[in-house]
Amino acid sequence: MEGAFGDGFDMNFEEHVTVLKDITSLKGARSLCTQSYDNAIKLIASKTTDEIFEPMPAGSVMGGDPKFVAVSDIVEHTAHHRGSLSTYTRLCGKVPPMPYMEVEPSNS
């Protein structure tokens, strides 16, 4: 969300990879995801309606779009990555865990 309300999105992927390499478990990934969502909620809650409807900086990702568009794009981006991770897990011969809650194995 900082990208929508700041100077644009941070495209330094090498730095992002460095941070993400330290996450080695589903619990760690869930924690980062929760922290990111909490930060986004706080950021949006701190803005006025006029600020949320302002255009994003020109030349950036989604440049010129209203800032609120970033919320639906985050949902879509998250769904894309969850689908990819499930596919990779199945290609490794494993059943991916339910990402939203703990589920007891079925006896059927």
N, C-alpha and C. Protein backbone atom coordinates (compact mmCIF):
# COMPACT_ATOMS: atom_id res chain seq x y z
N MET A 1 0.81 -1.19 0.00
CA MET A 1 0.00 0.00 0.00
C MET A 1 0.86 1.26 0.00
N GLU A 2 2.08 1.16 0.55
CA GLU A 2 2.93 2.33 0.59
C GLU A 2 3.18 2.86 -0.82
N GLY A 3 3.25 1.96 -1.80
CA GLY A 3 3.48 2.37 -3.18
C GLY A 3 2.36 3.22 -3.73
N ALA A 4 1.14 2.93 -3.34
CA ALA A 4 0.00 3.70 -3.83
C ALA A 4 -0.05 5.09 -3.20
N PHE A 5 0.41 5.21 -1.96
CA PHE A 5 0.29 6.48 -1.25
C PHE A 5 1.62 7.22 -1.10
N GLY A 6 2.69 6.65 -1.62
CA GLY A 6 3.99 7.31 -1.55
C GLY A 6 4.42 7.81 -2.91
N ASP A 7 5.70 7.58 -3.22
CA ASP A 7 6.27 8.04 -4.49
C ASP A 7 6.15 6.99 -5.59
N GLY A 8 5.46 5.92 -5.34
CA GLY A 8 5.34 4.82 -6.29
C GLY A 8 5.81 3.54 -5.65
N PHE A 9 5.68 2.45 -6.38
CA PHE A 9 5.98 1.13 -5.83
C PHE A 9 7.48 0.86 -5.83
N ASP A 10 7.95 0.19 -4.80
CA ASP A 10 9.35 -0.18 -4.66
C ASP A 10 9.64 -1.35 -5.59
N MET A 11 10.41 -1.10 -6.63
CA MET A 11 10.70 -2.13 -7.62
C MET A 11 12.07 -2.77 -7.40
N ASN A 12 12.64 -2.63 -6.20
CA ASN A 12 13.94 -3.22 -5.88
C ASN A 12 13.72 -4.68 -5.46
N PHE A 13 13.54 -5.54 -6.46
CA PHE A 13 13.20 -6.93 -6.19
C PHE A 13 14.34 -7.69 -5.51
N GLU A 14 15.59 -7.30 -5.77
CA GLU A 14 16.72 -7.96 -5.11
C GLU A 14 16.62 -7.80 -3.59
N GLU A 15 16.25 -6.59 -3.15
CA GLU A 15 16.09 -6.36 -1.71
C GLU A 15 14.91 -7.15 -1.15
N HIS A 16 13.82 -7.22 -1.90
CA HIS A 16 12.66 -8.00 -1.45
C HIS A 16 13.03 -9.47 -1.29
N VAL A 17 13.80 -10.00 -2.24
CA VAL A 17 14.21 -11.41 -2.18
C VAL A 17 15.06 -11.66 -0.94
N THR A 18 15.94 -10.72 -0.60
CA THR A 18 16.78 -10.87 0.58
C THR A 18 15.93 -11.03 1.84
N VAL A 19 14.89 -10.23 1.96
CA VAL A 19 13.98 -10.31 3.12
C VAL A 19 13.21 -11.63 3.10
N LEU A 20 12.70 -12.00 1.94
CA LEU A 20 11.85 -13.19 1.83
C LEU A 20 12.61 -14.49 2.02
N LYS A 21 13.91 -14.51 1.74
CA LYS A 21 14.70 -15.73 1.92
C LYS A 21 14.74 -16.18 3.38
N ASP A 22 14.52 -15.26 4.29
CA ASP A 22 14.54 -15.61 5.72
C ASP A 22 13.27 -16.33 6.16
N ILE A 23 12.25 -16.33 5.33
CA ILE A 23 10.99 -17.00 5.67
C ILE A 23 11.07 -18.43 5.17
N THR A 24 11.04 -19.38 6.10
CA THR A 24 11.25 -20.78 5.73
C THR A 24 10.10 -21.70 6.15
N SER A 25 8.99 -21.11 6.57
CA SER A 25 7.87 -21.94 7.00
C SER A 25 6.55 -21.29 6.61
N LEU A 26 5.51 -22.09 6.59
CA LEU A 26 4.18 -21.57 6.33
C LEU A 26 3.78 -20.60 7.44
N LYS A 27 4.16 -20.91 8.67
CA LYS A 27 3.85 -20.02 9.80
C LYS A 27 4.50 -18.65 9.59
N GLY A 28 5.74 -18.63 9.15
CA GLY A 28 6.44 -17.37 8.88
C GLY A 28 5.80 -16.60 7.75
N ALA A 29 5.38 -17.31 6.70
CA ALA A 29 4.72 -16.66 5.56
C ALA A 29 3.38 -16.08 5.99
N ARG A 30 2.64 -16.84 6.79
CA ARG A 30 1.35 -16.33 7.28
C ARG A 30 1.54 -15.09 8.15
N SER A 31 2.59 -15.10 8.96
CA SER A 31 2.87 -13.97 9.83
C SER A 31 3.18 -12.71 9.00
N LEU A 32 4.01 -12.85 7.98
CA LEU A 32 4.33 -11.71 7.12
C LEU A 32 3.09 -11.22 6.39
N CYS A 33 2.27 -12.15 5.92
CA CYS A 33 1.04 -11.78 5.21
C CYS A 33 0.10 -11.01 6.14
N THR A 34 -0.08 -11.51 7.35
CA THR A 34 -0.93 -10.84 8.33
C THR A 34 -0.40 -9.45 8.66
N GLN A 35 0.91 -9.36 8.86
CA GLN A 35 1.53 -8.06 9.16
C GLN A 35 1.32 -7.09 7.99
N SER A 36 1.47 -7.57 6.77
CA SER A 36 1.28 -6.72 5.59
C SER A 36 -0.16 -6.24 5.48
N TYR A 37 -1.12 -7.15 5.71
CA TYR A 37 -2.53 -6.75 5.66
C TYR A 37 -2.84 -5.74 6.77
N ASP A 38 -2.32 -5.98 7.98
CA ASP A 38 -2.55 -5.05 9.09
C ASP A 38 -2.00 -3.67 8.75
N ASN A 39 -0.80 -3.63 8.17
CA ASN A 39 -0.21 -2.34 7.77
C ASN A 39 -1.06 -1.64 6.72
N ALA A 40 -1.57 -2.40 5.75
CA ALA A 40 -2.41 -1.82 4.70
C ALA A 40 -3.70 -1.25 5.29
N ILE A 41 -4.31 -1.99 6.21
CA ILE A 41 -5.56 -1.53 6.84
C ILE A 41 -5.31 -0.23 7.61
N LYS A 42 -4.21 -0.18 8.36
CA LYS A 42 -3.89 1.03 9.12
C LYS A 42 -3.64 2.21 8.18
N LEU A 43 -2.92 1.97 7.11
CA LEU A 43 -2.62 3.04 6.16
C LEU A 43 -3.90 3.59 5.53
N ILE A 44 -4.76 2.70 5.06
CA ILE A 44 -6.01 3.14 4.43
C ILE A 44 -6.90 3.87 5.44
N ALA A 45 -6.96 3.35 6.66
CA ALA A 45 -7.80 3.98 7.69
C ALA A 45 -7.31 5.38 8.05
N SER A 46 -6.04 5.65 7.82
CA SER A 46 -5.49 6.97 8.16
C SER A 46 -5.72 8.01 7.07
N LYS A 47 -6.28 7.60 5.94
CA LYS A 47 -6.46 8.50 4.79
C LYS A 47 -7.89 9.02 4.71
N THR A 48 -8.02 10.20 4.13
CA THR A 48 -9.35 10.76 3.89
C THR A 48 -9.89 10.17 2.59
N THR A 49 -11.17 10.34 2.36
CA THR A 49 -11.78 9.87 1.11
C THR A 49 -11.11 10.54 -0.08
N ASP A 50 -10.84 11.83 0.02
CA ASP A 50 -10.17 12.53 -1.08
C ASP A 50 -8.80 11.93 -1.38
N GLU A 51 -8.04 11.58 -0.33
CA GLU A 51 -6.72 10.98 -0.54
C GLU A 51 -6.83 9.62 -1.22
N ILE A 52 -7.83 8.85 -0.84
CA ILE A 52 -8.01 7.51 -1.42
C ILE A 52 -8.39 7.60 -2.90
N PHE A 53 -9.06 8.67 -3.29
CA PHE A 53 -9.47 8.83 -4.69
C PHE A 53 -8.44 9.57 -5.54
N GLU A 54 -7.35 10.05 -4.93
CA GLU A 54 -6.29 10.72 -5.71
C GLU A 54 -5.65 9.73 -6.66
N PRO A 55 -5.14 10.20 -7.80
CA PRO A 55 -4.43 9.30 -8.71
C PRO A 55 -3.05 8.93 -8.16
N MET A 56 -2.62 7.73 -8.50
CA MET A 56 -1.26 7.31 -8.14
C MET A 56 -0.27 8.09 -8.99
N PRO A 57 0.99 8.16 -8.55
CA PRO A 57 1.99 8.93 -9.30
C PRO A 57 2.11 8.44 -10.74
N ALA A 58 2.20 9.39 -11.67
CA ALA A 58 2.37 9.04 -13.08
C ALA A 58 3.69 8.30 -13.27
N GLY A 59 3.69 7.36 -14.19
CA GLY A 59 4.91 6.63 -14.51
C GLY A 59 5.19 5.44 -13.61
N SER A 60 4.43 5.30 -12.53
CA SER A 60 4.63 4.15 -11.65
C SER A 60 3.68 3.03 -12.06
N VAL A 61 3.80 1.90 -11.39
CA VAL A 61 2.84 0.82 -11.60
C VAL A 61 1.46 1.38 -11.29
N MET A 62 0.51 1.18 -12.19
CA MET A 62 -0.86 1.70 -12.04
C MET A 62 -0.90 3.22 -12.01
N GLY A 63 0.12 3.87 -12.56
CA GLY A 63 0.20 5.33 -12.56
C GLY A 63 -1.06 5.96 -13.14
N GLY A 64 -1.60 6.91 -12.42
CA GLY A 64 -2.80 7.62 -12.84
C GLY A 64 -4.09 7.01 -12.33
N ASP A 65 -4.07 5.73 -11.95
CA ASP A 65 -5.28 5.09 -11.41
C ASP A 65 -5.57 5.65 -10.01
N PRO A 66 -6.83 5.67 -9.61
CA PRO A 66 -7.13 6.09 -8.23
C PRO A 66 -6.46 5.13 -7.24
N LYS A 67 -6.03 5.65 -6.13
CA LYS A 67 -5.28 4.85 -5.16
C LYS A 67 -6.07 3.66 -4.62
N PHE A 68 -7.40 3.78 -4.55
CA PHE A 68 -8.19 2.67 -4.02
C PHE A 68 -8.11 1.42 -4.89
N VAL A 69 -7.73 1.57 -6.15
CA VAL A 69 -7.62 0.43 -7.06
C VAL A 69 -6.56 -0.56 -6.56
N ALA A 70 -5.59 -0.07 -5.81
CA ALA A 70 -4.53 -0.94 -5.29
C ALA A 70 -5.10 -2.05 -4.41
N VAL A 71 -6.20 -1.80 -3.72
CA VAL A 71 -6.79 -2.81 -2.83
C VAL A 71 -7.24 -4.03 -3.63
N SER A 72 -8.00 -3.83 -4.69
CA SER A 72 -8.46 -4.98 -5.49
C SER A 72 -7.29 -5.65 -6.19
N ASP A 73 -6.27 -4.87 -6.56
CA ASP A 73 -5.10 -5.47 -7.19
C ASP A 73 -4.31 -6.34 -6.20
N ILE A 74 -4.29 -5.95 -4.93
CA ILE A 74 -3.64 -6.78 -3.91
C ILE A 74 -4.37 -8.11 -3.77
N VAL A 75 -5.69 -8.07 -3.77
CA VAL A 75 -6.49 -9.30 -3.67
C VAL A 75 -6.18 -10.21 -4.85
N GLU A 76 -6.18 -9.65 -6.05
CA GLU A 76 -5.90 -10.45 -7.25
C GLU A 76 -4.47 -11.00 -7.23
N HIS A 77 -3.52 -10.19 -6.82
CA HIS A 77 -2.12 -10.61 -6.77
C HIS A 77 -1.92 -11.74 -5.76
N THR A 78 -2.57 -11.61 -4.61
CA THR A 78 -2.49 -12.66 -3.58
C THR A 78 -3.08 -13.97 -4.09
N ALA A 79 -4.22 -13.90 -4.76
CA ALA A 79 -4.85 -15.11 -5.32
C ALA A 79 -3.93 -15.77 -6.34
N HIS A 80 -3.28 -14.97 -7.16
CA HIS A 80 -2.34 -15.50 -8.15
C HIS A 80 -1.23 -16.29 -7.47
N HIS A 81 -0.63 -15.70 -6.43
CA HIS A 81 0.48 -16.38 -5.75
C HIS A 81 0.02 -17.61 -4.98
N ARG A 82 -1.15 -17.57 -4.38
CA ARG A 82 -1.66 -18.76 -3.68
C ARG A 82 -1.88 -19.90 -4.66
N GLY A 83 -2.41 -19.58 -5.82
CA GLY A 83 -2.61 -20.61 -6.84
C GLY A 83 -1.29 -21.19 -7.32
N SER A 84 -0.31 -20.32 -7.52
CA SER A 84 1.01 -20.79 -7.95
C SER A 84 1.64 -21.69 -6.91
N LEU A 85 1.57 -21.29 -5.64
CA LEU A 85 2.16 -22.10 -4.58
C LEU A 85 1.49 -23.46 -4.47
N SER A 86 0.17 -23.50 -4.64
CA SER A 86 -0.54 -24.78 -4.60
C SER A 86 -0.09 -25.67 -5.75
N THR A 87 0.09 -25.09 -6.92
CA THR A 87 0.54 -25.86 -8.08
C THR A 87 1.95 -26.40 -7.84
N TYR A 88 2.86 -25.57 -7.35
CA TYR A 88 4.23 -26.02 -7.09
C TYR A 88 4.23 -27.14 -6.05
N THR A 89 3.41 -27.00 -5.02
CA THR A 89 3.34 -28.02 -3.98
C THR A 89 2.88 -29.35 -4.55
N ARG A 90 1.85 -29.32 -5.38
CA ARG A 90 1.34 -30.55 -6.00
C ARG A 90 2.37 -31.16 -6.96
N LEU A 91 3.12 -30.32 -7.67
CA LEU A 91 4.16 -30.84 -8.56
C LEU A 91 5.27 -31.55 -7.77
N CYS A 92 5.41 -31.20 -6.50
CA CYS A 92 6.38 -31.86 -5.62
C CYS A 92 5.78 -33.10 -4.96
N GLY A 93 4.55 -33.46 -5.34
CA GLY A 93 3.91 -34.66 -4.82
C GLY A 93 3.27 -34.49 -3.46
N LYS A 94 3.01 -33.28 -3.06
CA LYS A 94 2.40 -33.03 -1.75
C LYS A 94 1.04 -32.38 -1.93
N VAL A 95 0.22 -32.48 -0.90
CA VAL A 95 -1.08 -31.82 -0.91
C VAL A 95 -0.89 -30.49 -0.17
N PRO A 96 -1.20 -29.38 -0.81
CA PRO A 96 -1.00 -28.09 -0.14
C PRO A 96 -1.97 -27.91 1.02
N PRO A 97 -1.49 -27.33 2.12
CA PRO A 97 -2.39 -27.09 3.25
C PRO A 97 -3.38 -25.98 2.93
N MET A 98 -4.50 -26.00 3.58
CA MET A 98 -5.50 -24.95 3.45
C MET A 98 -4.89 -23.66 4.01
N PRO A 99 -4.80 -22.58 3.23
CA PRO A 99 -4.10 -21.38 3.71
C PRO A 99 -4.91 -20.53 4.68
N TYR A 100 -6.20 -20.77 4.81
CA TYR A 100 -7.05 -19.88 5.59
C TYR A 100 -7.30 -20.35 7.01
N MET A 101 -7.12 -21.63 7.26
CA MET A 101 -7.42 -22.16 8.58
C MET A 101 -6.81 -23.55 8.70
N GLU A 102 -6.72 -24.03 9.91
CA GLU A 102 -6.28 -25.40 10.14
C GLU A 102 -7.45 -26.32 9.87
N VAL A 103 -7.24 -27.36 9.08
CA VAL A 103 -8.31 -28.29 8.71
C VAL A 103 -7.89 -29.69 9.13
N GLU A 104 -8.80 -30.39 9.79
CA GLU A 104 -8.56 -31.78 10.17
C GLU A 104 -8.60 -32.65 8.91
N PRO A 105 -7.70 -33.63 8.80
CA PRO A 105 -7.74 -34.52 7.63
C PRO A 105 -9.07 -35.26 7.56
N SER A 106 -9.54 -35.47 6.35
CA SER A 106 -10.79 -36.18 6.12
C SER A 106 -10.57 -37.68 6.23
N ASN A 107 -11.54 -38.39 6.78
CA ASN A 107 -11.46 -39.85 6.87
C ASN A 107 -12.11 -40.53 5.69
N SER A 108 -12.62 -39.75 4.73
CA SER A 108 -13.32 -40.37 3.60
C SER A 108 -12.40 -40.73 2.48
